[in-house]
C-alpha atoms as a PDB file:
ATOM      1  CA  MET A   1     189.431  -0.731  77.870  1.00  0.00           C
ATOM      2  CA  GLU A   2     188.523   2.139  75.636  1.00  0.00           C
ATOM      3  CA  PRO A   3     189.810   5.658  77.260  1.00  0.00           C
ATOM      4  CA  LYS A   4     187.330   8.337  78.724  1.00  0.00           C
ATOM      5  CA  LYS A   5     186.208  10.399  76.245  1.00  0.00           C
ATOM      6  CA  TYR A   6     185.766  14.005  77.163  1.00  0.00           C
ATOM      7  CA  ASP A   7     182.172  14.999  76.661  1.00  0.00           C
ATOM      8  CA  LEU A   8     181.359  18.561  76.319  1.00  0.00           C
ATOM      9  CA  GLU A   9     177.733  18.199  76.239  1.00  0.00           C
ATOM     10  CA  GLU A  10     178.169  16.809  79.796  1.00  0.00           C
ATOM     11  CA  ARG A  11     180.398  19.364  80.706  1.00  0.00           C
ATOM     12  CA  THR A  12     177.980  22.333  79.957  1.00  0.00           C
ATOM     13  CA  LEU A  13     174.946  20.505  81.249  1.00  0.00           C
ATOM     14  CA  LYS A  14     176.951  20.224  84.394  1.00  0.00           C
ATOM     15  CA  PHE A  15     177.892  24.070  84.488  1.00  0.00           C
ATOM     16  CA  ALA A  16     174.211  25.027  83.922  1.00  0.00           C
ATOM     17  CA  ILE A  17     172.974  22.468  86.577  1.00  0.00           C
ATOM     18  CA  SER A  18     175.398  24.004  89.119  1.00  0.00           C
ATOM     19  CA  SER A  19     174.790  27.428  88.403  1.00  0.00           C
ATOM     20  CA  ARG A  20     171.060  27.050  89.074  1.00  0.00           C
ATOM     21  CA  LEU A  21     171.913  25.076  92.237  1.00  0.00           C
ATOM     22  CA  PHE A  22     174.348  28.097  93.412  1.00  0.00           C
ATOM     23  CA  LEU A  23     171.055  30.689  92.302  1.00  0.00           C
ATOM     24  CA  LYS A  24     169.108  28.711  94.934  1.00  0.00           C
ATOM     25  CA  LYS A  25     171.146  30.229  97.744  1.00  0.00           C
ATOM     26  CA  LEU A  26     171.106  33.747  96.783  1.00  0.00           C
ATOM     27  CA  PRO A  27     169.131  36.268  99.093  1.00  0.00           C
ATOM     28  CA  ARG A  28     165.965  37.170  97.451  1.00  0.00           C
ATOM     29  CA  THR A  29     166.912  40.954  96.570  1.00  0.00           C
ATOM     30  CA  ILE A  30     165.374  42.798  93.418  1.00  0.00           C
ATOM     31  CA  SER A  31     168.930  43.043  91.908  1.00  0.00           C
ATOM     32  CA  ASN A  32     169.704  38.951  92.485  1.00  0.00           C
ATOM     33  CA  ILE A  33     166.551  38.113  90.976  1.00  0.00           C
ATOM     34  CA  GLU A  34     166.694  40.013  87.749  1.00  0.00           C
ATOM     35  CA  ASP A  35     170.541  39.086  87.699  1.00  0.00           C
ATOM     36  CA  ALA A  36     169.711  35.628  88.127  1.00  0.00           C
ATOM     37  CA  LYS A  37     166.978  35.697  85.404  1.00  0.00           C
ATOM     38  CA  GLN A  38     169.802  36.895  83.043  1.00  0.00           C
ATOM     39  CA  TYR A  39     172.432  34.416  84.127  1.00  0.00           C
ATOM     40  CA  VAL A  40     170.088  31.347  84.393  1.00  0.00           C
ATOM     41  CA  ARG A  41     169.541  31.986  80.549  1.00  0.00           C
ATOM     42  CA  SER A  42     172.507  32.256  79.411  1.00  0.00           C
ATOM     43  CA  SER A  43     174.344  29.849  81.483  1.00  0.00           C
ATOM     44  CA  GLY A  44     172.023  27.072  80.050  1.00  0.00           C
ATOM     45  CA  SER A  45     172.143  28.301  76.540  1.00  0.00           C
ATOM     46  CA  VAL A  46     176.000  27.272  75.844  1.00  0.00           C
ATOM     47  CA  GLY A  47     174.762  23.940  76.421  1.00  0.00           C
ATOM     48  CA  ALA A  48     171.641  23.941  74.313  1.00  0.00           C
ATOM     49  CA  ASN A  49     173.470  25.913  71.432  1.00  0.00           C
ATOM     50  CA  TYR A  50     176.564  23.381  72.068  1.00  0.00           C
ATOM     51  CA  ILE A  51     174.082  20.317  71.145  1.00  0.00           C
ATOM     52  CA  GLU A  52     172.417  22.595  68.217  1.00  0.00           C
ATOM     53  CA  ALA A  53     176.303  23.033  66.917  1.00  0.00           C
ATOM     54  CA  ASN A  54     176.727  19.140  66.962  1.00  0.00           C
ATOM     55  CA  GLU A  55     173.413  18.895  65.108  1.00  0.00           C
ATOM     56  CA  SER A  56     174.348  21.548  62.487  1.00  0.00           C
ATOM     57  CA  LEU A  57     174.012  20.694  58.780  1.00  0.00           C
ATOM     58  CA  SER A  58     176.790  22.599  57.340  1.00  0.00           C
ATOM     59  CA  LYS A  59     180.216  23.927  58.706  1.00  0.00           C
ATOM     60  CA  LYS A  60     179.367  27.394  58.429  1.00  0.00           C
ATOM     61  CA  ASP A  61     176.054  26.819  60.775  1.00  0.00           C
ATOM     62  CA  PHE A  62     178.582  24.643  62.868  1.00  0.00           C
ATOM     63  CA  CYS A  63     180.868  27.451  63.569  1.00  0.00           C
ATOM     64  CA  PHE A  64     177.793  30.047  63.977  1.00  0.00           C
ATOM     65  CA  ARG A  65     176.310  27.905  66.858  1.00  0.00           C
ATOM     66  CA  ILE A  66     179.939  27.417  68.365  1.00  0.00           C
ATOM     67  CA  LYS A  67     180.380  31.135  68.452  1.00  0.00           C
ATOM     68  CA  ILE A  68     176.996  31.501  69.866  1.00  0.00           C
ATOM     69  CA  CYS A  69     178.155  29.132  73.040  1.00  0.00           C
ATOM     70  CA  ARG A  70     181.449  31.472  73.224  1.00  0.00           C
ATOM     71  CA  LYS A  71     179.020  34.332  73.586  1.00  0.00           C
ATOM     72  CA  GLU A  72     176.497  32.905  75.931  1.00  0.00           C
ATOM     73  CA  ALA A  73     179.812  31.882  78.287  1.00  0.00           C
ATOM     74  CA  LYS A  74     181.284  35.255  78.499  1.00  0.00           C
ATOM     75  CA  GLU A  75     177.649  36.358  79.183  1.00  0.00           C
ATOM     76  CA  SER A  76     177.560  33.932  81.973  1.00  0.00           C
ATOM     77  CA  SER A  77     180.994  35.449  83.287  1.00  0.00           C
ATOM     78  CA  TYR A  78     179.393  38.836  83.279  1.00  0.00           C
ATOM     79  CA  TRP A  79     176.404  38.144  85.236  1.00  0.00           C
ATOM     80  CA  LEU A  80     178.382  36.006  87.700  1.00  0.00           C
ATOM     81  CA  LYS A  81     181.070  39.372  88.052  1.00  0.00           C
ATOM     82  CA  ILE A  82     177.933  41.514  88.705  1.00  0.00           C
ATOM     83  CA  MET A  83     176.415  38.881  91.325  1.00  0.00           C
ATOM     84  CA  LYS A  84     180.072  38.771  92.998  1.00  0.00           C
ATOM     85  CA  ALA A  85     180.387  42.115  93.707  1.00  0.00           C
ATOM     86  CA  THR A  86     176.673  42.496  95.424  1.00  0.00           C
ATOM     87  CA  ASN A  87     177.201  39.098  97.010  1.00  0.00           C
ATOM     88  CA  ILE A  88     180.538  38.726  98.528  1.00  0.00           C
ATOM     89  CA  GLU A  89     179.656  36.131 101.103  1.00  0.00           C
ATOM     90  CA  PHE A  90     179.511  33.998  97.993  1.00  0.00           C
ATOM     91  CA  GLU A  91     182.779  35.243  96.525  1.00  0.00           C
ATOM     92  CA  ALA A  92     184.966  31.429  96.609  1.00  0.00           C
ATOM     93  CA  GLU A  93     181.534  29.791  95.046  1.00  0.00           C
ATOM     94  CA  ILE A  94     180.919  32.520  92.297  1.00  0.00           C
ATOM     95  CA  ASN A  95     184.850  32.225  91.157  1.00  0.00           C
ATOM     96  CA  ILE A  96     184.291  28.342  90.559  1.00  0.00           C
ATOM     97  CA  LEU A  97     181.554  29.444  88.232  1.00  0.00           C
ATOM     98  CA  ILE A  98     183.312  32.191  86.398  1.00  0.00           C
ATOM     99  CA  GLN A  99     186.511  29.703  86.020  1.00  0.00           C
ATOM    100  CA  GLU A 100     184.418  27.188  84.666  1.00  0.00           C
ATOM    101  CA  SER A 101     182.296  29.734  82.007  1.00  0.00           C
ATOM    102  CA  ASP A 102     185.976  31.316  81.293  1.00  0.00           C
ATOM    103  CA  GLU A 103     187.568  27.682  80.213  1.00  0.00           C
ATOM    104  CA  LEU A 104     184.280  27.093  78.391  1.00  0.00           C
ATOM    105  CA  LYS A 105     184.944  30.545  76.697  1.00  0.00           C
ATOM    106  CA  LYS A 106     188.474  29.227  75.669  1.00  0.00           C
ATOM    107  CA  ILE A 107     187.399  25.742  74.540  1.00  0.00           C
ATOM    108  CA  PHE A 108     185.026  27.400  72.110  1.00  0.00           C
ATOM    109  CA  SER A 109     187.406  29.818  70.606  1.00  0.00           C
ATOM    110  CA  SER A 110     189.592  26.781  70.063  1.00  0.00           C
ATOM    111  CA  ILE A 111     186.974  24.858  68.149  1.00  0.00           C
ATOM    112  CA  ILE A 112     186.301  28.078  66.233  1.00  0.00           C
ATOM    113  CA  GLU A 113     190.208  28.690  65.602  1.00  0.00           C
ATOM    114  CA  LYS A 114     190.517  24.785  64.220  1.00  0.00           C
ATOM    115  CA  SER A 115     187.463  25.069  61.979  1.00  0.00           C
ATOM    116  CA  SER A 116     188.175  28.307  60.471  1.00  0.00           C
END
């Protein structure tokens, strides 16, 4: 039996889906709607840019795309922290998403380090 290969594309997809499922639960306030728009873009962009990185034609382009992945993961964490401060009833669920965005950021940082 072949050992299970860790799939970062799948992990980033799950992060984007979990993010969208969470956002459905938030109250529809003006600030939540605007924060959610920003967060939905950054959380989806992590995985989309990772797919682009894997299709890149050069090492330089690969590193550039991975840096974008890291930037989008950082941005996702930022929007989550804002939503956490203004929606304390969802603190536990938001903390799980923040942890995942921070772990993704560390993974992309490690990839950048090893690729340089």
